Amino acid sequence: MSMTPVENIKEAIEVEKAAENPKNQEAAKQRTTGEKWFNGVRFAVAETVILVATAAIAYVANYGKDSYRVGGTEVPNYLKKFQVWMRDKMTSSKFFSEKGEFGVRLAGAVASSTVLMHGGNLFAPVMKWMEDKKANIVNFFNKHLGKPGELEEGKERIKEQVKQTWGDIIKGRALSWIVVFTSFFSADMLLGKDASGMRRFDKFEDKFGKWVAGFTKAGKDAGANLSGNNAYRFGKILALDIFATTAAIAIWNSVSKFSAMMRRKKGTYAHDVAADVARDELAVKKGIAPAEDAPDAPAQETQRTSYTSRQGKRPDNYQALAADRAAASSSMAVS
């Protein structure tokens, strides 16, 4: 008994799912040299860009002037103004004011993080560009640094990977900020104060700032009075931000990739198979073999080539599916 077109589509979808399972993909066992370099370069660029941007934003927001003269016009320091406004607005509210020191600490952390998060946001377009150019970047590294055969292997692996969209990247960025902020603030509360009454997070920032200032002549000459020393200020900013940025990038990349994988798993199997069916149906109507079955058909460099067609795992009744669809369409036209 022949299967209906709907049953054929369902079976094709199941085969697609099985083929895309990493456990069933031989190429997924080992990343190519180009992929490793891509991941390393992306992480290094992200770390550098975000740290520099965050440090600059934090310095202006915390230690900058109230206004700057730009082209003869006095421009307010909006970063500082917003941070102070948001912190004061929250501390004056009933919820925060009733929490005592915890409320003041939380309000300051939220206001500061809301401003500093834009350092990471500025990297989002760079991350999207690198994702869009991933194939070219991976191929470049595989060509110049890879082992024999890795260039072609890398091309196939990239085709099998779903590309991250702006939606995936934004989800990753938002969740990374929430996780890092919650984790660091919780750690600050749990570590509390030392015997002298100084919060341990503040103490660590102070020590790190002094260590950084010690590399400069001004820092050495200033001695214990480092409050106005720029190296000391940047050191305090970077003390925790180095760890926060590293954690945020790792979470960001993981969540964005996971979001893309889930998006494909939930929504595109049926769409992709339906596209294959429509193409093959047209081929059957014209009396020619589907493009992927033709012996001399050129490979199409698309973002996601069918796993089943590449791996020879297309269901036995796949062509029958197209024929059924064609027959169904013909019968409908006759009736």
Protein backbone atom coordinates (compact mmCIF):
# COMPACT_ATOMS: atom_id res chain seq x y z
CA MET A 1 0.00 0.00 0.00
CA SER A 2 1.49 3.30 -1.11
CA MET A 3 1.98 6.10 1.37
CA THR A 4 0.06 9.35 1.08
CA PRO A 5 1.95 12.61 0.39
CA VAL A 6 1.43 13.69 3.99
CA GLU A 7 2.88 10.42 5.30
CA ASN A 8 5.80 10.78 2.92
CA ILE A 9 6.50 14.28 4.21
CA LYS A 10 6.40 13.08 7.81
CA GLU A 11 8.84 10.30 7.07
CA ALA A 12 11.17 12.68 5.26
CA ILE A 13 11.10 14.99 8.27
CA GLU A 14 12.01 12.16 10.62
CA VAL A 15 14.90 11.15 8.38
CA GLU A 16 16.10 14.77 8.31
CA LYS A 17 16.02 14.88 12.11
CA ALA A 18 17.97 11.67 12.46
CA ALA A 19 20.55 12.80 9.92
CA GLU A 20 21.06 16.12 11.71
CA ASN A 21 21.66 14.52 15.08
CA PRO A 22 25.35 15.17 15.91
CA LYS A 23 25.68 11.56 17.09
CA ASN A 24 24.93 10.45 13.53
CA GLN A 25 27.28 12.88 11.85
CA GLU A 26 30.82 11.69 11.30
CA ALA A 27 32.07 15.20 10.55
CA ALA A 28 30.77 16.51 13.84
CA LYS A 29 33.26 14.48 15.83
CA GLN A 30 36.16 16.87 15.25
CA ARG A 31 36.22 20.58 14.41
CA THR A 32 38.57 21.61 11.65
CA THR A 33 41.56 23.89 12.21
CA GLY A 34 39.68 26.74 10.57
CA GLU A 35 36.73 26.38 12.94
CA LYS A 36 39.02 26.36 15.96
CA TRP A 37 40.75 29.51 14.73
CA PHE A 38 37.41 31.14 14.01
CA ASN A 39 36.20 30.47 17.56
CA GLY A 40 39.46 31.70 19.04
CA VAL A 41 39.59 34.87 16.95
CA ARG A 42 35.93 35.67 17.63
CA PHE A 43 36.47 35.26 21.37
CA ALA A 44 39.65 37.37 21.35
CA VAL A 45 38.05 40.15 19.30
CA ALA A 46 34.95 40.11 21.51
CA GLU A 47 37.02 40.23 24.70
CA THR A 48 39.12 43.13 23.43
CA VAL A 49 36.29 45.19 21.94
CA ILE A 50 33.95 44.74 24.89
CA LEU A 51 36.62 45.37 27.54
CA VAL A 52 37.83 48.56 25.85
CA ALA A 53 34.31 49.83 25.21
CA THR A 54 33.12 48.97 28.71
CA ALA A 55 36.16 50.57 30.37
CA ALA A 56 35.67 53.77 28.38
CA ILE A 57 31.95 53.93 29.17
CA ALA A 58 32.52 53.18 32.87
CA TYR A 59 35.24 55.82 33.15
CA VAL A 60 33.10 58.53 31.58
CA ALA A 61 30.03 57.52 33.63
CA ASN A 62 31.88 57.37 36.96
CA TYR A 63 34.78 59.81 36.67
CA GLY A 64 33.95 61.98 33.67
CA LYS A 65 33.08 65.67 33.74
CA ASP A 66 29.49 66.78 34.03
CA SER A 67 29.70 68.18 30.49
CA TYR A 68 32.10 68.41 27.57
CA ARG A 69 32.63 71.20 25.07
CA VAL A 70 32.15 69.85 21.55
CA GLY A 71 32.49 72.28 18.65
CA GLY A 72 31.76 75.26 20.82
CA THR A 73 28.69 73.63 22.36
CA GLU A 74 28.45 72.36 25.90
CA VAL A 75 27.26 68.75 25.76
CA PRO A 76 26.07 67.10 29.00
CA ASN A 77 27.66 63.86 30.11
CA TYR A 78 24.58 61.76 29.40
CA LEU A 79 26.16 58.53 30.63
CA LYS A 80 26.90 60.00 34.04
CA LYS A 81 23.60 61.85 34.13
CA PHE A 82 21.57 58.74 33.33
CA GLN A 83 23.43 56.53 35.78
CA VAL A 84 22.96 58.99 38.66
CA TRP A 85 19.32 59.57 37.73
CA MET A 86 18.51 55.85 37.58
CA ARG A 87 20.30 55.08 40.85
CA ASP A 88 18.62 57.96 42.71
CA LYS A 89 15.24 57.10 41.23
CA MET A 90 15.44 53.54 42.52
CA THR A 91 16.88 54.36 45.95
CA SER A 92 14.11 56.90 46.51
CA SER A 93 11.41 54.32 45.78
CA LYS A 94 9.67 52.51 48.61
CA PHE A 95 10.91 49.07 47.53
CA PHE A 96 14.61 49.96 47.56
CA SER A 97 14.50 52.34 50.50
CA GLU A 98 13.02 49.64 52.73
CA LYS A 99 15.89 47.24 51.88
CA GLY A 100 18.56 49.37 53.54
CA GLU A 101 22.13 48.72 52.40
CA PHE A 102 20.98 45.87 50.17
CA GLY A 103 18.62 48.23 48.32
CA VAL A 104 21.30 50.88 47.86
CA ARG A 105 23.79 48.28 46.62
CA LEU A 106 21.25 46.74 44.22
CA ALA A 107 20.18 50.12 42.84
CA GLY A 108 23.79 51.10 42.19
CA ALA A 109 24.54 47.77 40.51
CA VAL A 110 21.47 47.94 38.27
CA ALA A 111 22.16 51.56 37.24
CA SER A 112 25.83 50.86 36.56
CA SER A 113 25.19 47.62 34.66
CA THR A 114 22.47 49.22 32.53
CA VAL A 115 25.02 51.75 31.31
CA LEU A 116 27.94 49.34 31.00
CA MET A 117 25.99 46.71 29.06
CA HIS A 118 26.23 48.91 25.98
CA GLY A 119 29.89 48.00 25.76
CA GLY A 120 28.76 44.49 24.88
CA ASN A 121 25.89 45.74 22.74
CA LEU A 122 28.38 47.57 20.53
CA PHE A 123 29.95 44.21 19.67
CA ALA A 124 26.67 42.70 18.45
CA PRO A 125 27.05 44.01 14.84
CA VAL A 126 30.62 42.66 14.77
CA MET A 127 29.41 39.28 16.02
CA LYS A 128 26.68 39.18 13.36
CA TRP A 129 29.17 40.13 10.64
CA MET A 130 31.54 37.36 11.72
CA GLU A 131 28.66 34.88 11.75
CA ASP A 132 27.65 35.92 8.23
CA LYS A 133 31.25 35.61 7.02
CA LYS A 134 32.00 32.44 8.96
CA ALA A 135 32.37 30.28 5.86
CA ASN A 136 34.94 32.64 4.32
CA ILE A 137 36.89 32.99 7.58
CA VAL A 138 36.93 29.24 8.27
CA ASN A 139 37.96 28.50 4.68
CA PHE A 140 40.79 31.04 4.93
CA PHE A 141 42.25 29.43 8.05
CA ASN A 142 41.77 25.90 6.72
CA LYS A 143 43.48 26.86 3.47
CA HIS A 144 46.54 28.44 5.13
CA LEU A 145 46.77 26.59 8.44
CA GLY A 146 44.66 23.47 8.08
CA LYS A 147 45.61 19.86 7.49
CA PRO A 148 45.20 18.17 4.10
CA GLY A 149 41.52 17.71 3.33
CA GLU A 150 40.28 20.13 5.99
CA LEU A 151 39.36 22.81 3.45
CA GLU A 152 36.71 20.62 1.83
CA GLU A 153 35.69 19.10 5.15
CA GLY A 154 35.26 22.57 6.63
CA LYS A 155 33.08 23.66 3.71
CA GLU A 156 30.77 20.71 4.24
CA ARG A 157 30.60 21.25 7.99
CA ILE A 158 29.73 24.93 7.59
CA LYS A 159 26.92 24.03 5.21
CA GLU A 160 25.49 21.75 7.87
CA GLN A 161 25.51 24.46 10.54
CA VAL A 162 22.51 26.73 10.88
CA LYS A 163 23.36 30.42 10.63
CA GLN A 164 22.60 32.59 13.65
CA THR A 165 20.10 35.38 12.99
CA TRP A 166 19.78 38.73 14.72
CA GLY A 167 17.09 37.17 16.87
CA ASP A 168 19.47 34.45 18.07
CA ILE A 169 22.22 36.97 18.83
CA ILE A 170 19.89 39.31 20.71
CA LYS A 171 18.55 36.42 22.80
CA GLY A 172 22.09 35.38 23.63
CA ARG A 173 23.09 38.91 24.57
CA ALA A 174 20.05 39.47 26.80
CA LEU A 175 20.38 36.16 28.64
CA SER A 176 24.14 36.56 29.10
CA TRP A 177 23.63 39.96 30.72
CA ILE A 178 20.94 38.64 33.06
CA VAL A 179 22.97 35.59 34.11
CA VAL A 180 26.22 37.53 34.67
CA PHE A 181 24.55 40.38 36.54
CA THR A 182 22.58 38.02 38.80
CA SER A 183 25.63 35.85 39.47
CA PHE A 184 28.00 38.70 40.31
CA PHE A 185 25.52 40.56 42.48
CA SER A 186 24.67 37.36 44.35
CA ALA A 187 28.37 36.68 44.88
CA ASP A 188 28.83 40.21 46.21
CA MET A 189 26.04 39.68 48.72
CA LEU A 190 27.25 36.24 49.76
CA LEU A 191 30.87 37.27 50.24
CA GLY A 192 29.77 40.24 52.32
CA LYS A 193 32.29 42.24 54.33
CA ASP A 194 35.65 41.46 55.87
CA ALA A 195 36.67 42.08 59.50
CA SER A 196 37.32 45.77 58.78
CA GLY A 197 33.78 46.26 57.49
CA MET A 198 34.80 46.66 53.82
CA ARG A 199 32.92 44.67 51.22
CA ARG A 200 35.15 42.01 49.73
CA PHE A 201 34.25 42.92 46.13
CA ASP A 202 35.23 46.54 46.83
CA LYS A 203 38.43 45.37 48.48
CA PHE A 204 39.36 43.28 45.47
CA GLU A 205 38.71 46.21 43.12
CA ASP A 206 40.86 48.46 45.31
CA LYS A 207 43.76 45.99 45.35
CA PHE A 208 43.58 45.40 41.62
CA GLY A 209 43.45 49.14 40.97
CA LYS A 210 46.55 49.69 43.11
CA TRP A 211 48.33 46.86 41.31
CA VAL A 212 47.62 48.43 37.91
CA ALA A 213 48.63 51.89 39.15
CA GLY A 214 51.92 50.44 40.35
CA PHE A 215 53.02 49.99 36.74
CA THR A 216 52.93 53.75 36.15
CA LYS A 217 55.25 56.44 37.48
CA ALA A 218 52.31 58.58 38.57
CA GLY A 219 50.87 55.61 40.46
CA LYS A 220 54.14 54.96 42.28
CA ASP A 221 54.59 58.63 43.16
CA ALA A 222 51.02 58.96 44.42
CA GLY A 223 51.61 56.40 47.17
CA ALA A 224 48.49 55.67 49.14
CA ASN A 225 46.52 58.58 47.69
CA LEU A 226 45.36 57.12 44.39
CA SER A 227 41.78 58.38 44.24
CA GLY A 228 42.55 60.73 41.35
CA ASN A 229 44.97 58.45 39.52
CA ASN A 230 43.65 57.33 36.12
CA ALA A 231 45.51 54.02 36.12
CA TYR A 232 44.03 53.21 39.52
CA ARG A 233 40.55 54.09 38.27
CA PHE A 234 40.83 51.91 35.18
CA GLY A 235 42.22 49.10 37.32
CA LYS A 236 39.17 49.22 39.56
CA ILE A 237 36.91 49.16 36.52
CA LEU A 238 38.66 46.17 34.97
CA ALA A 239 39.05 44.18 38.20
CA LEU A 240 35.69 42.44 37.92
CA ASP A 241 34.86 43.36 34.34
CA ILE A 242 37.51 40.99 32.99
CA PHE A 243 35.72 38.04 34.59
CA ALA A 244 32.25 39.36 33.77
CA THR A 245 33.11 39.93 30.12
CA THR A 246 34.70 36.50 29.71
CA ALA A 247 31.66 34.81 31.24
CA ALA A 248 29.23 36.92 29.21
CA ILE A 249 30.94 36.10 25.90
CA ALA A 250 30.90 32.36 26.63
CA ILE A 251 27.23 32.44 27.59
CA TRP A 252 26.35 34.71 24.68
CA ASN A 253 27.95 32.41 22.09
CA SER A 254 26.41 29.29 23.62
CA VAL A 255 22.88 30.69 23.90
CA SER A 256 22.94 32.18 20.40
CA LYS A 257 24.07 28.89 18.91
CA PHE A 258 21.52 26.93 20.94
CA SER A 259 18.76 29.33 19.89
CA ALA A 260 19.64 28.83 16.23
CA MET A 261 19.65 25.05 16.63
CA MET A 262 16.28 25.05 18.39
CA ARG A 263 14.82 27.37 15.77
CA ARG A 264 15.81 24.94 13.03
CA LYS A 265 14.60 21.94 15.02
CA LYS A 266 11.19 23.44 15.76
CA GLY A 267 10.33 25.38 12.68
CA THR A 268 12.33 24.63 9.56
CA TYR A 269 12.29 20.86 9.05
CA ALA A 270 8.87 20.90 7.45
CA HIS A 271 9.71 24.06 5.52
CA ASP A 272 12.94 22.64 4.10
CA VAL A 273 11.41 19.29 3.16
CA ALA A 274 8.41 21.02 1.60
CA ALA A 275 10.81 23.10 -0.51
CA ASP A 276 12.57 19.91 -1.68
CA VAL A 277 9.20 18.31 -2.46
CA ALA A 278 8.04 21.33 -4.46
CA ARG A 279 11.27 21.33 -6.46
CA ASP A 280 11.14 17.61 -7.19
CA GLU A 281 7.43 17.83 -7.98
CA LEU A 282 8.20 20.43 -10.63
CA ALA A 283 10.95 18.20 -11.99
CA VAL A 284 8.58 15.23 -12.23
CA LYS A 285 5.99 17.35 -14.04
CA LYS A 286 8.61 18.39 -16.59
CA GLY A 287 9.77 14.81 -17.00
CA ILE A 288 13.28 15.34 -15.67
CA ALA A 289 15.11 13.99 -12.63
CA PRO A 290 15.39 16.17 -9.53
CA ALA A 291 18.50 18.36 -9.60
CA GLU A 292 20.21 16.59 -6.71
CA ASP A 293 19.71 13.20 -8.38
CA ALA A 294 21.23 14.28 -11.70
CA PRO A 295 24.79 12.93 -12.03
CA ASP A 296 26.35 16.13 -13.39
CA ALA A 297 24.33 18.64 -11.39
CA PRO A 298 26.57 21.30 -9.79
CA ALA A 299 26.48 21.54 -6.01
CA GLN A 300 24.63 24.61 -4.82
CA GLU A 301 26.41 26.62 -2.15
CA THR A 302 23.44 27.30 0.06
CA GLN A 303 23.41 27.99 3.78
CA ARG A 304 21.76 24.67 4.53
CA THR A 305 22.01 21.86 1.99
CA SER A 306 19.88 18.83 2.82
CA TYR A 307 21.71 16.43 5.12
CA THR A 308 19.87 13.48 3.68
CA SER A 309 20.86 14.26 0.11
CA ARG A 310 24.54 14.75 1.02
CA GLN A 311 24.79 11.68 3.16
CA GLY A 312 22.75 9.39 0.91
CA LYS A 313 20.10 8.98 3.62
CA ARG A 314 17.13 10.15 1.60
CA PRO A 315 14.15 7.82 2.22
CA ASP A 316 13.46 5.15 -0.37
CA ASN A 317 10.06 6.62 -1.11
CA TYR A 318 11.33 10.17 -1.54
CA GLN A 319 10.82 10.27 -5.30
CA ALA A 320 7.48 8.57 -4.81
CA LEU A 321 6.58 11.49 -2.59
CA ALA A 322 7.16 13.91 -5.42
CA ALA A 323 5.24 11.68 -7.82
CA ASP A 324 2.32 11.46 -5.38
CA ARG A 325 2.25 15.20 -5.04
CA ALA A 326 2.35 15.62 -8.80
CA ALA A 327 -0.42 13.07 -9.27
CA ALA A 328 -2.52 14.73 -6.59
CA SER A 329 -2.09 18.09 -8.26
CA SER A 330 -3.01 16.63 -11.66
CA SER A 331 -6.16 14.97 -10.32
CA MET A 332 -7.23 18.18 -8.69
CA ALA A 333 -6.71 20.04 -11.96
CA VAL A 334 -8.80 17.45 -13.89
CA SER A 335 -11.63 17.52 -11.37
